[in-house]
Amino acid sequence: MMKNKQRSGRLVPAPGCPSVHPVSSEPVVPDVHKTIKAAFEAFDYESNNRVDVREIGTIIYSLGCFPTQADLHDLIAEVEDQTGYINLEKFLPAMTKVLMEHKFPSVPEDLLLQAFEVLDKENKGYLEPEQLAKYMTQEGELFTQEEMDEMLTALADHENNRVYYKDLLNQWTIDPDM
């Protein structure tokens, strides 16, 4: 069972991810590193710069990238230390390269919004976690229940247990005027 960890902030995709609009020609690597570290630390339950290999997919999704299962397995093979854990010092450069080279596709914001709106048949502006889990474990590229539980822990509003999808879209993109 996954341990709950208090998250102090919200995750946003790193500059350089396909859905992100670069704001200047200044080097973005420190910002990319900061964002990757924040995503990684959200799943580093023991605060030892290591995460369970099963968390990596969720971390990558939280960065706004959506690799195929084959791409995900290749990245894991590159960074796993054969103990079932992945260390930040191996993950950080590999994921930085992925983001900077746009290796994993993202989904355009308007398409994501349309998908959420189709699921939100009553036009409430949010989805119940159970409803989202049902769609994501039964349709398309399937997520395991464990992956869904991890994602919903990170995505759902903890006060009322709802997934406000417009807020998520705002988190997954960066304002070009920043």
N, C-alpha and C. Protein backbone atom coordinates (compact mmCIF):
# COMPACT_ATOMS: atom_id res chain seq x y z
N MET A 1 0.85 -1.17 0.00
CA MET A 1 0.00 0.00 0.00
C MET A 1 0.89 1.23 0.00
N MET A 2 0.48 2.24 -0.76
CA MET A 2 1.27 3.44 -0.89
C MET A 2 1.14 4.32 0.34
N LYS A 3 2.27 4.83 0.81
CA LYS A 3 2.24 5.75 1.94
C LYS A 3 1.82 7.12 1.45
N ASN A 4 1.06 7.83 2.27
CA ASN A 4 0.69 9.19 1.93
C ASN A 4 1.82 10.12 2.32
N LYS A 5 2.11 11.05 1.48
CA LYS A 5 3.14 12.04 1.77
C LYS A 5 2.54 13.41 1.52
N GLN A 6 2.71 14.29 2.46
CA GLN A 6 2.19 15.64 2.30
C GLN A 6 2.97 16.32 1.19
N ARG A 7 2.28 16.87 0.24
CA ARG A 7 2.92 17.58 -0.85
C ARG A 7 2.78 19.08 -0.59
N SER A 8 3.88 19.77 -0.70
CA SER A 8 3.85 21.18 -0.37
C SER A 8 3.49 22.06 -1.56
N GLY A 9 3.60 21.57 -2.76
CA GLY A 9 3.30 22.39 -3.91
C GLY A 9 2.71 21.59 -5.03
N ARG A 10 2.45 22.26 -6.11
CA ARG A 10 1.88 21.61 -7.27
C ARG A 10 2.97 21.38 -8.30
N LEU A 11 2.81 20.32 -9.05
CA LEU A 11 3.78 19.99 -10.08
C LEU A 11 3.38 20.61 -11.40
N VAL A 12 4.36 21.11 -12.13
CA VAL A 12 4.12 21.63 -13.47
C VAL A 12 5.13 21.01 -14.39
N PRO A 13 4.83 20.90 -15.68
CA PRO A 13 5.79 20.33 -16.59
C PRO A 13 7.03 21.20 -16.68
N ALA A 14 8.13 20.58 -16.93
CA ALA A 14 9.39 21.29 -17.04
C ALA A 14 9.46 22.06 -18.34
N PRO A 15 10.09 23.24 -18.32
CA PRO A 15 10.34 23.91 -19.59
C PRO A 15 11.12 22.97 -20.49
N GLY A 16 10.77 22.91 -21.74
CA GLY A 16 11.43 21.99 -22.67
C GLY A 16 10.55 20.81 -23.00
N CYS A 17 9.54 20.53 -22.19
CA CYS A 17 8.60 19.48 -22.50
C CYS A 17 7.75 19.97 -23.67
N PRO A 18 7.32 19.09 -24.54
CA PRO A 18 6.64 19.52 -25.76
C PRO A 18 5.46 20.45 -25.54
N SER A 19 4.75 20.36 -24.42
CA SER A 19 3.58 21.21 -24.22
C SER A 19 3.93 22.56 -23.63
N VAL A 20 5.19 22.79 -23.39
CA VAL A 20 5.62 24.02 -22.72
C VAL A 20 6.15 24.99 -23.76
N HIS A 21 5.82 26.25 -23.56
CA HIS A 21 6.28 27.28 -24.47
C HIS A 21 7.48 27.97 -23.85
N PRO A 22 8.68 27.85 -24.45
CA PRO A 22 9.84 28.52 -23.87
C PRO A 22 9.60 30.02 -23.84
N VAL A 23 10.08 30.66 -22.79
CA VAL A 23 9.83 32.08 -22.64
C VAL A 23 11.03 32.93 -23.00
N SER A 24 12.19 32.35 -23.10
CA SER A 24 13.36 33.13 -23.47
C SER A 24 14.43 32.20 -23.99
N SER A 25 15.51 32.80 -24.46
CA SER A 25 16.61 31.99 -24.96
C SER A 25 17.61 31.67 -23.85
N GLU A 26 17.32 32.09 -22.61
CA GLU A 26 18.20 31.80 -21.49
C GLU A 26 18.20 30.30 -21.23
N PRO A 27 19.29 29.78 -20.69
CA PRO A 27 19.32 28.35 -20.37
C PRO A 27 18.20 27.98 -19.41
N VAL A 28 17.50 26.90 -19.70
CA VAL A 28 16.38 26.48 -18.87
C VAL A 28 16.73 25.25 -18.04
N VAL A 29 17.95 24.75 -18.15
CA VAL A 29 18.32 23.53 -17.44
C VAL A 29 18.09 23.64 -15.93
N PRO A 30 18.47 24.73 -15.26
CA PRO A 30 18.18 24.79 -13.81
C PRO A 30 16.68 24.68 -13.51
N ASP A 31 15.84 25.29 -14.33
CA ASP A 31 14.40 25.18 -14.14
C ASP A 31 13.92 23.76 -14.39
N VAL A 32 14.47 23.12 -15.39
CA VAL A 32 14.12 21.73 -15.70
C VAL A 32 14.52 20.85 -14.52
N HIS A 33 15.73 21.02 -14.02
CA HIS A 33 16.19 20.22 -12.88
C HIS A 33 15.29 20.44 -11.66
N LYS A 34 14.93 21.68 -11.41
CA LYS A 34 14.09 22.00 -10.26
C LYS A 34 12.73 21.30 -10.38
N THR A 35 12.16 21.31 -11.56
CA THR A 35 10.85 20.69 -11.78
C THR A 35 10.94 19.18 -11.67
N ILE A 36 11.98 18.60 -12.25
CA ILE A 36 12.15 17.14 -12.17
C ILE A 36 12.34 16.73 -10.72
N LYS A 37 13.18 17.46 -10.00
CA LYS A 37 13.41 17.14 -8.58
C LYS A 37 12.12 17.23 -7.78
N ALA A 38 11.30 18.26 -8.04
CA ALA A 38 10.04 18.40 -7.31
C ALA A 38 9.12 17.21 -7.58
N ALA A 39 9.05 16.79 -8.82
CA ALA A 39 8.21 15.63 -9.16
C ALA A 39 8.76 14.38 -8.50
N PHE A 40 10.06 14.20 -8.53
CA PHE A 40 10.71 13.03 -7.95
C PHE A 40 10.49 13.01 -6.44
N GLU A 41 10.71 14.15 -5.80
CA GLU A 41 10.60 14.23 -4.34
C GLU A 41 9.18 13.98 -3.84
N ALA A 42 8.18 14.25 -4.68
CA ALA A 42 6.80 13.98 -4.29
C ALA A 42 6.56 12.49 -4.07
N PHE A 43 7.41 11.65 -4.65
CA PHE A 43 7.27 10.20 -4.51
C PHE A 43 8.44 9.57 -3.75
N ASP A 44 9.32 10.40 -3.23
CA ASP A 44 10.45 9.93 -2.42
C ASP A 44 10.00 9.93 -0.96
N TYR A 45 9.25 8.90 -0.59
CA TYR A 45 8.58 8.86 0.70
C TYR A 45 9.53 8.80 1.89
N GLU A 46 10.74 8.31 1.68
CA GLU A 46 11.71 8.22 2.77
C GLU A 46 12.73 9.35 2.71
N SER A 47 12.56 10.26 1.76
CA SER A 47 13.48 11.41 1.59
C SER A 47 14.93 10.98 1.52
N ASN A 48 15.19 9.93 0.72
CA ASN A 48 16.55 9.43 0.57
C ASN A 48 17.03 9.47 -0.89
N ASN A 49 16.40 10.30 -1.70
CA ASN A 49 16.75 10.45 -3.12
C ASN A 49 16.59 9.15 -3.90
N ARG A 50 15.64 8.32 -3.47
CA ARG A 50 15.32 7.07 -4.17
C ARG A 50 13.81 6.90 -4.23
N VAL A 51 13.35 6.39 -5.37
CA VAL A 51 11.93 6.06 -5.48
C VAL A 51 11.81 4.64 -6.01
N ASP A 52 10.70 4.04 -5.68
CA ASP A 52 10.38 2.71 -6.19
C ASP A 52 10.23 2.83 -7.71
N VAL A 53 10.75 1.87 -8.42
CA VAL A 53 10.71 1.89 -9.88
C VAL A 53 9.28 2.00 -10.40
N ARG A 54 8.32 1.52 -9.64
CA ARG A 54 6.92 1.58 -10.06
C ARG A 54 6.36 2.99 -10.04
N GLU A 55 7.07 3.94 -9.43
CA GLU A 55 6.62 5.33 -9.37
C GLU A 55 7.05 6.15 -10.59
N ILE A 56 8.00 5.65 -11.36
CA ILE A 56 8.60 6.45 -12.43
C ILE A 56 7.58 6.88 -13.48
N GLY A 57 6.69 6.00 -13.88
CA GLY A 57 5.68 6.37 -14.86
C GLY A 57 4.84 7.54 -14.38
N THR A 58 4.42 7.49 -13.14
CA THR A 58 3.61 8.56 -12.57
C THR A 58 4.40 9.86 -12.51
N ILE A 59 5.67 9.78 -12.16
CA ILE A 59 6.53 10.97 -12.12
C ILE A 59 6.62 11.59 -13.51
N ILE A 60 6.84 10.75 -14.52
CA ILE A 60 6.97 11.25 -15.88
C ILE A 60 5.65 11.86 -16.35
N TYR A 61 4.52 11.22 -16.05
CA TYR A 61 3.22 11.78 -16.43
C TYR A 61 3.01 13.13 -15.75
N SER A 62 3.45 13.24 -14.49
CA SER A 62 3.27 14.50 -13.77
C SER A 62 4.10 15.62 -14.38
N LEU A 63 5.11 15.26 -15.17
CA LEU A 63 5.93 16.25 -15.86
C LEU A 63 5.32 16.63 -17.21
N GLY A 64 4.13 16.09 -17.50
CA GLY A 64 3.43 16.46 -18.73
C GLY A 64 3.85 15.68 -19.95
N CYS A 65 4.54 14.58 -19.77
CA CYS A 65 4.98 13.76 -20.88
C CYS A 65 4.29 12.40 -20.83
N PHE A 66 4.01 11.88 -21.99
CA PHE A 66 3.25 10.64 -22.07
C PHE A 66 3.95 9.63 -22.98
N PRO A 67 4.97 8.94 -22.43
CA PRO A 67 5.69 7.95 -23.24
C PRO A 67 4.84 6.71 -23.47
N THR A 68 5.19 5.97 -24.52
CA THR A 68 4.58 4.66 -24.70
C THR A 68 5.12 3.75 -23.61
N GLN A 69 4.50 2.61 -23.44
CA GLN A 69 5.00 1.66 -22.44
C GLN A 69 6.42 1.21 -22.80
N ALA A 70 6.69 1.03 -24.09
CA ALA A 70 8.04 0.63 -24.52
C ALA A 70 9.07 1.71 -24.17
N ASP A 71 8.74 2.97 -24.43
CA ASP A 71 9.65 4.07 -24.09
C ASP A 71 9.87 4.16 -22.58
N LEU A 72 8.81 3.95 -21.84
CA LEU A 72 8.92 3.98 -20.38
C LEU A 72 9.83 2.86 -19.88
N HIS A 73 9.65 1.66 -20.42
CA HIS A 73 10.51 0.53 -20.02
C HIS A 73 11.97 0.78 -20.40
N ASP A 74 12.21 1.40 -21.57
CA ASP A 74 13.58 1.71 -21.97
C ASP A 74 14.23 2.70 -21.01
N LEU A 75 13.48 3.72 -20.61
CA LEU A 75 14.04 4.70 -19.67
C LEU A 75 14.32 4.05 -18.33
N ILE A 76 13.40 3.23 -17.87
CA ILE A 76 13.61 2.54 -16.59
C ILE A 76 14.85 1.66 -16.66
N ALA A 77 15.02 0.93 -17.76
CA ALA A 77 16.20 0.08 -17.91
C ALA A 77 17.48 0.91 -17.86
N GLU A 78 17.42 2.12 -18.36
CA GLU A 78 18.59 3.01 -18.37
C GLU A 78 18.95 3.51 -16.97
N VAL A 79 17.95 3.72 -16.11
CA VAL A 79 18.22 4.36 -14.83
C VAL A 79 18.06 3.47 -13.60
N GLU A 80 17.45 2.31 -13.74
CA GLU A 80 17.22 1.45 -12.57
C GLU A 80 18.54 0.87 -12.06
N ASP A 81 18.64 0.75 -10.74
CA ASP A 81 19.87 0.22 -10.16
C ASP A 81 19.78 -1.28 -9.82
N GLN A 82 18.82 -1.96 -10.40
CA GLN A 82 18.62 -3.41 -10.24
C GLN A 82 18.18 -3.82 -8.84
N THR A 83 17.78 -2.86 -8.02
CA THR A 83 17.27 -3.18 -6.69
C THR A 83 15.78 -2.88 -6.60
N GLY A 84 15.21 -2.43 -7.72
CA GLY A 84 13.81 -2.03 -7.70
C GLY A 84 13.62 -0.56 -7.38
N TYR A 85 14.73 0.16 -7.26
CA TYR A 85 14.67 1.58 -6.95
C TYR A 85 15.43 2.37 -8.00
N ILE A 86 15.08 3.64 -8.09
CA ILE A 86 15.77 4.55 -9.00
C ILE A 86 16.26 5.73 -8.17
N ASN A 87 17.54 6.03 -8.34
CA ASN A 87 18.17 7.13 -7.62
C ASN A 87 18.04 8.42 -8.43
N LEU A 88 17.86 9.50 -7.71
CA LEU A 88 17.72 10.81 -8.35
C LEU A 88 18.91 11.14 -9.23
N GLU A 89 20.13 10.80 -8.79
CA GLU A 89 21.31 11.18 -9.58
C GLU A 89 21.36 10.48 -10.94
N LYS A 90 20.72 9.34 -11.08
CA LYS A 90 20.64 8.69 -12.39
C LYS A 90 19.42 9.17 -13.18
N PHE A 91 18.32 9.42 -12.48
CA PHE A 91 17.09 9.83 -13.14
C PHE A 91 17.18 11.26 -13.67
N LEU A 92 17.78 12.16 -12.90
CA LEU A 92 17.82 13.57 -13.26
C LEU A 92 18.44 13.83 -14.63
N PRO A 93 19.65 13.33 -14.93
CA PRO A 93 20.20 13.61 -16.26
C PRO A 93 19.42 12.92 -17.39
N ALA A 94 18.93 11.71 -17.13
CA ALA A 94 18.17 11.00 -18.17
C ALA A 94 16.87 11.74 -18.49
N MET A 95 16.16 12.18 -17.45
CA MET A 95 14.89 12.86 -17.67
C MET A 95 15.11 14.26 -18.23
N THR A 96 16.19 14.91 -17.83
CA THR A 96 16.51 16.22 -18.40
C THR A 96 16.69 16.10 -19.90
N LYS A 97 17.42 15.08 -20.32
CA LYS A 97 17.64 14.85 -21.75
C LYS A 97 16.31 14.59 -22.47
N VAL A 98 15.47 13.79 -21.86
CA VAL A 98 14.15 13.51 -22.44
C VAL A 98 13.37 14.80 -22.67
N LEU A 99 13.33 15.64 -21.63
CA LEU A 99 12.56 16.87 -21.73
C LEU A 99 13.17 17.86 -22.71
N MET A 100 14.47 18.01 -22.66
CA MET A 100 15.12 18.99 -23.52
C MET A 100 15.07 18.59 -25.00
N GLU A 101 15.06 17.29 -25.25
CA GLU A 101 15.02 16.80 -26.64
C GLU A 101 13.61 16.43 -27.09
N HIS A 102 12.62 16.70 -26.25
CA HIS A 102 11.22 16.43 -26.59
C HIS A 102 11.01 14.98 -27.02
N LYS A 103 11.61 14.05 -26.28
CA LYS A 103 11.55 12.64 -26.66
C LYS A 103 10.19 12.00 -26.45
N PHE A 104 9.46 12.44 -25.43
CA PHE A 104 8.15 11.85 -25.18
C PHE A 104 7.08 12.84 -25.61
N PRO A 105 6.08 12.37 -26.30
CA PRO A 105 5.05 13.30 -26.78
C PRO A 105 4.19 13.82 -25.63
N SER A 106 3.63 14.96 -25.86
CA SER A 106 2.63 15.50 -24.95
C SER A 106 1.32 15.58 -25.73
N VAL A 107 0.28 15.85 -25.03
CA VAL A 107 -1.02 16.00 -25.66
C VAL A 107 -1.35 17.48 -25.63
N PRO A 108 -1.80 18.06 -26.76
CA PRO A 108 -2.14 19.48 -26.75
C PRO A 108 -3.20 19.81 -25.70
N GLU A 109 -3.06 20.98 -25.09
CA GLU A 109 -3.95 21.38 -24.00
C GLU A 109 -5.41 21.35 -24.42
N ASP A 110 -5.73 21.85 -25.62
CA ASP A 110 -7.13 21.88 -26.04
C ASP A 110 -7.70 20.47 -26.21
N LEU A 111 -6.88 19.54 -26.63
CA LEU A 111 -7.33 18.15 -26.78
C LEU A 111 -7.57 17.51 -25.41
N LEU A 112 -6.69 17.80 -24.46
CA LEU A 112 -6.90 17.29 -23.10
C LEU A 112 -8.19 17.85 -22.50
N LEU A 113 -8.42 19.15 -22.71
CA LEU A 113 -9.63 19.76 -22.18
C LEU A 113 -10.86 19.10 -22.79
N GLN A 114 -10.84 18.87 -24.09
CA GLN A 114 -11.98 18.21 -24.75
C GLN A 114 -12.22 16.82 -24.17
N ALA A 115 -11.12 16.10 -23.91
CA ALA A 115 -11.26 14.74 -23.36
C ALA A 115 -11.90 14.79 -21.97
N PHE A 116 -11.44 15.71 -21.13
CA PHE A 116 -12.03 15.84 -19.81
C PHE A 116 -13.50 16.25 -19.90
N GLU A 117 -13.81 17.16 -20.81
CA GLU A 117 -15.19 17.62 -20.94
C GLU A 117 -16.12 16.51 -21.41
N VAL A 118 -15.62 15.61 -22.24
CA VAL A 118 -16.43 14.46 -22.67
C VAL A 118 -16.72 13.56 -21.47
N LEU A 119 -15.75 13.38 -20.60
CA LEU A 119 -15.94 12.55 -19.41
C LEU A 119 -16.85 13.22 -18.39
N ASP A 120 -16.84 14.54 -18.37
CA ASP A 120 -17.65 15.31 -17.44
C ASP A 120 -19.02 15.58 -18.07
N LYS A 121 -19.83 14.55 -18.15
CA LYS A 121 -21.12 14.61 -18.84
C LYS A 121 -22.07 15.66 -18.23
N GLU A 122 -21.94 15.93 -16.95
CA GLU A 122 -22.82 16.90 -16.29
C GLU A 122 -22.23 18.31 -16.28
N ASN A 123 -21.08 18.49 -16.90
CA ASN A 123 -20.43 19.80 -17.02
C ASN A 123 -20.21 20.46 -15.66
N LYS A 124 -19.67 19.69 -14.70
CA LYS A 124 -19.44 20.18 -13.34
C LYS A 124 -18.09 20.88 -13.20
N GLY A 125 -17.16 20.60 -14.12
CA GLY A 125 -15.82 21.18 -14.00
C GLY A 125 -14.86 20.30 -13.23
N TYR A 126 -15.32 19.14 -12.82
CA TYR A 126 -14.46 18.20 -12.10
C TYR A 126 -14.93 16.78 -12.37
N LEU A 127 -14.06 15.84 -12.04
CA LEU A 127 -14.39 14.42 -12.11
C LEU A 127 -14.16 13.81 -10.74
N GLU A 128 -14.95 12.84 -10.43
CA GLU A 128 -14.72 12.07 -9.21
C GLU A 128 -13.53 11.15 -9.49
N PRO A 129 -12.62 10.97 -8.53
CA PRO A 129 -11.46 10.10 -8.77
C PRO A 129 -11.86 8.70 -9.25
N GLU A 130 -12.93 8.15 -8.70
CA GLU A 130 -13.36 6.80 -9.10
C GLU A 130 -13.78 6.78 -10.56
N GLN A 131 -14.42 7.85 -11.01
CA GLN A 131 -14.86 7.97 -12.40
C GLN A 131 -13.64 8.04 -13.33
N LEU A 132 -12.67 8.86 -12.98
CA LEU A 132 -11.46 8.99 -13.78
C LEU A 132 -10.69 7.67 -13.81
N ALA A 133 -10.59 7.03 -12.66
CA ALA A 133 -9.89 5.75 -12.58
C ALA A 133 -10.56 4.71 -13.48
N LYS A 134 -11.88 4.69 -13.49
CA LYS A 134 -12.60 3.73 -14.34
C LYS A 134 -12.23 3.92 -15.80
N TYR A 135 -12.26 5.17 -16.28
CA TYR A 135 -11.93 5.43 -17.68
C TYR A 135 -10.48 5.06 -18.00
N MET A 136 -9.59 5.40 -17.09
CA MET A 136 -8.17 5.22 -17.38
C MET A 136 -7.68 3.78 -17.18
N THR A 137 -8.46 2.96 -16.54
CA THR A 137 -8.06 1.55 -16.39
C THR A 137 -8.82 0.65 -17.35
N GLN A 138 -9.79 1.23 -18.09
CA GLN A 138 -10.58 0.40 -19.01
C GLN A 138 -10.52 0.85 -20.46
N GLU A 139 -9.96 2.01 -20.74
CA GLU A 139 -9.93 2.56 -22.09
C GLU A 139 -8.50 2.95 -22.47
N GLY A 140 -8.19 2.90 -23.76
CA GLY A 140 -6.90 3.37 -24.27
C GLY A 140 -5.73 2.56 -23.76
N GLU A 141 -4.58 3.24 -23.58
CA GLU A 141 -3.40 2.59 -23.02
C GLU A 141 -3.65 2.46 -21.52
N LEU A 142 -3.89 1.24 -21.08
CA LEU A 142 -4.39 0.99 -19.74
C LEU A 142 -3.36 1.24 -18.66
N PHE A 143 -3.83 1.82 -17.57
CA PHE A 143 -3.04 1.99 -16.37
C PHE A 143 -3.44 0.89 -15.40
N THR A 144 -2.50 0.46 -14.60
CA THR A 144 -2.83 -0.49 -13.55
C THR A 144 -3.56 0.25 -12.44
N GLN A 145 -4.22 -0.48 -11.57
CA GLN A 145 -4.91 0.15 -10.45
C GLN A 145 -3.90 0.86 -9.55
N GLU A 146 -2.73 0.26 -9.37
CA GLU A 146 -1.69 0.90 -8.54
C GLU A 146 -1.24 2.23 -9.16
N GLU A 147 -1.03 2.25 -10.48
CA GLU A 147 -0.65 3.49 -11.14
C GLU A 147 -1.76 4.54 -10.98
N MET A 148 -3.01 4.11 -11.09
CA MET A 148 -4.13 5.03 -10.93
C MET A 148 -4.18 5.59 -9.52
N ASP A 149 -4.00 4.72 -8.53
CA ASP A 149 -4.02 5.18 -7.15
C ASP A 149 -2.96 6.25 -6.92
N GLU A 150 -1.77 6.03 -7.47
CA GLU A 150 -0.68 6.98 -7.33
C GLU A 150 -1.01 8.31 -8.00
N MET A 151 -1.54 8.23 -9.23
CA MET A 151 -1.88 9.45 -9.95
C MET A 151 -2.98 10.21 -9.23
N LEU A 152 -4.00 9.50 -8.78
CA LEU A 152 -5.12 10.17 -8.12
C LEU A 152 -4.69 10.81 -6.80
N THR A 153 -3.74 10.20 -6.12
CA THR A 153 -3.21 10.81 -4.91
C THR A 153 -2.58 12.16 -5.24
N ALA A 154 -1.89 12.21 -6.37
CA ALA A 154 -1.23 13.46 -6.77
C ALA A 154 -2.19 14.45 -7.41
N LEU A 155 -3.25 13.98 -8.09
CA LEU A 155 -4.11 14.86 -8.87
C LEU A 155 -5.35 15.37 -8.13
N ALA A 156 -5.88 14.57 -7.25
CA ALA A 156 -7.16 14.94 -6.62
C ALA A 156 -6.97 16.03 -5.58
N ASP A 157 -7.94 16.91 -5.52
CA ASP A 157 -7.99 17.93 -4.48
C ASP A 157 -8.23 17.19 -3.17
N HIS A 158 -7.33 17.34 -2.22
CA HIS A 158 -7.39 16.55 -0.99
C HIS A 158 -8.49 17.00 -0.04
N GLU A 159 -9.00 18.22 -0.20
CA GLU A 159 -10.06 18.69 0.69
C GLU A 159 -11.41 18.08 0.36
N ASN A 160 -11.71 17.92 -0.96
CA ASN A 160 -13.03 17.40 -1.31
C ASN A 160 -12.99 16.20 -2.23
N ASN A 161 -11.79 15.65 -2.46
CA ASN A 161 -11.62 14.42 -3.24
C ASN A 161 -12.23 14.52 -4.62
N ARG A 162 -11.87 15.59 -5.35
CA ARG A 162 -12.31 15.78 -6.72
C ARG A 162 -11.10 16.12 -7.58
N VAL A 163 -11.19 15.80 -8.86
CA VAL A 163 -10.14 16.13 -9.82
C VAL A 163 -10.66 17.28 -10.67
N TYR A 164 -10.17 18.48 -10.39
CA TYR A 164 -10.56 19.67 -11.15
C TYR A 164 -9.66 19.75 -12.38
N TYR A 165 -10.20 19.35 -13.51
CA TYR A 165 -9.35 19.16 -14.69
C TYR A 165 -8.83 20.47 -15.27
N LYS A 166 -9.54 21.56 -15.17
CA LYS A 166 -9.00 22.83 -15.68
C LYS A 166 -7.80 23.28 -14.86
N ASP A 167 -7.85 23.04 -13.55
CA ASP A 167 -6.69 23.34 -12.71
C ASP A 167 -5.49 22.48 -13.12
N LEU A 168 -5.76 21.21 -13.43
CA LEU A 168 -4.68 20.33 -13.87
C LEU A 168 -4.04 20.83 -15.15
N LEU A 169 -4.87 21.23 -16.09
CA LEU A 169 -4.34 21.74 -17.36
C LEU A 169 -3.48 22.97 -17.11
N ASN A 170 -3.89 23.82 -16.17
CA ASN A 170 -3.08 24.99 -15.84
C ASN A 170 -1.75 24.58 -15.22
N GLN A 171 -1.75 23.49 -14.46
CA GLN A 171 -0.51 23.00 -13.85
C GLN A 171 0.41 22.38 -14.90
N TRP A 172 -0.18 21.76 -15.90
CA TRP A 172 0.60 21.02 -16.89
C TRP A 172 1.16 21.90 -17.99
N THR A 173 0.83 23.17 -17.97
CA THR A 173 1.38 24.11 -18.95
C THR A 173 1.95 25.28 -18.19
N ILE A 174 2.83 25.99 -18.84
CA ILE A 174 3.46 27.15 -18.22
C ILE A 174 3.06 28.37 -19.01
N ASP A 175 2.68 29.40 -18.31
CA ASP A 175 2.28 30.65 -18.94
C ASP A 175 3.47 31.24 -19.69
N PRO A 176 3.32 31.48 -20.99
CA PRO A 176 4.44 32.03 -21.76
C PRO A 176 4.85 33.43 -21.33
N ASP A 177 4.00 34.12 -20.53
CA ASP A 177 4.35 35.45 -20.06
C ASP A 177 5.15 35.44 -18.77
N MET A 178 5.43 34.25 -18.23
CA MET A 178 6.19 34.17 -16.97
C MET A 178 7.62 34.61 -17.17
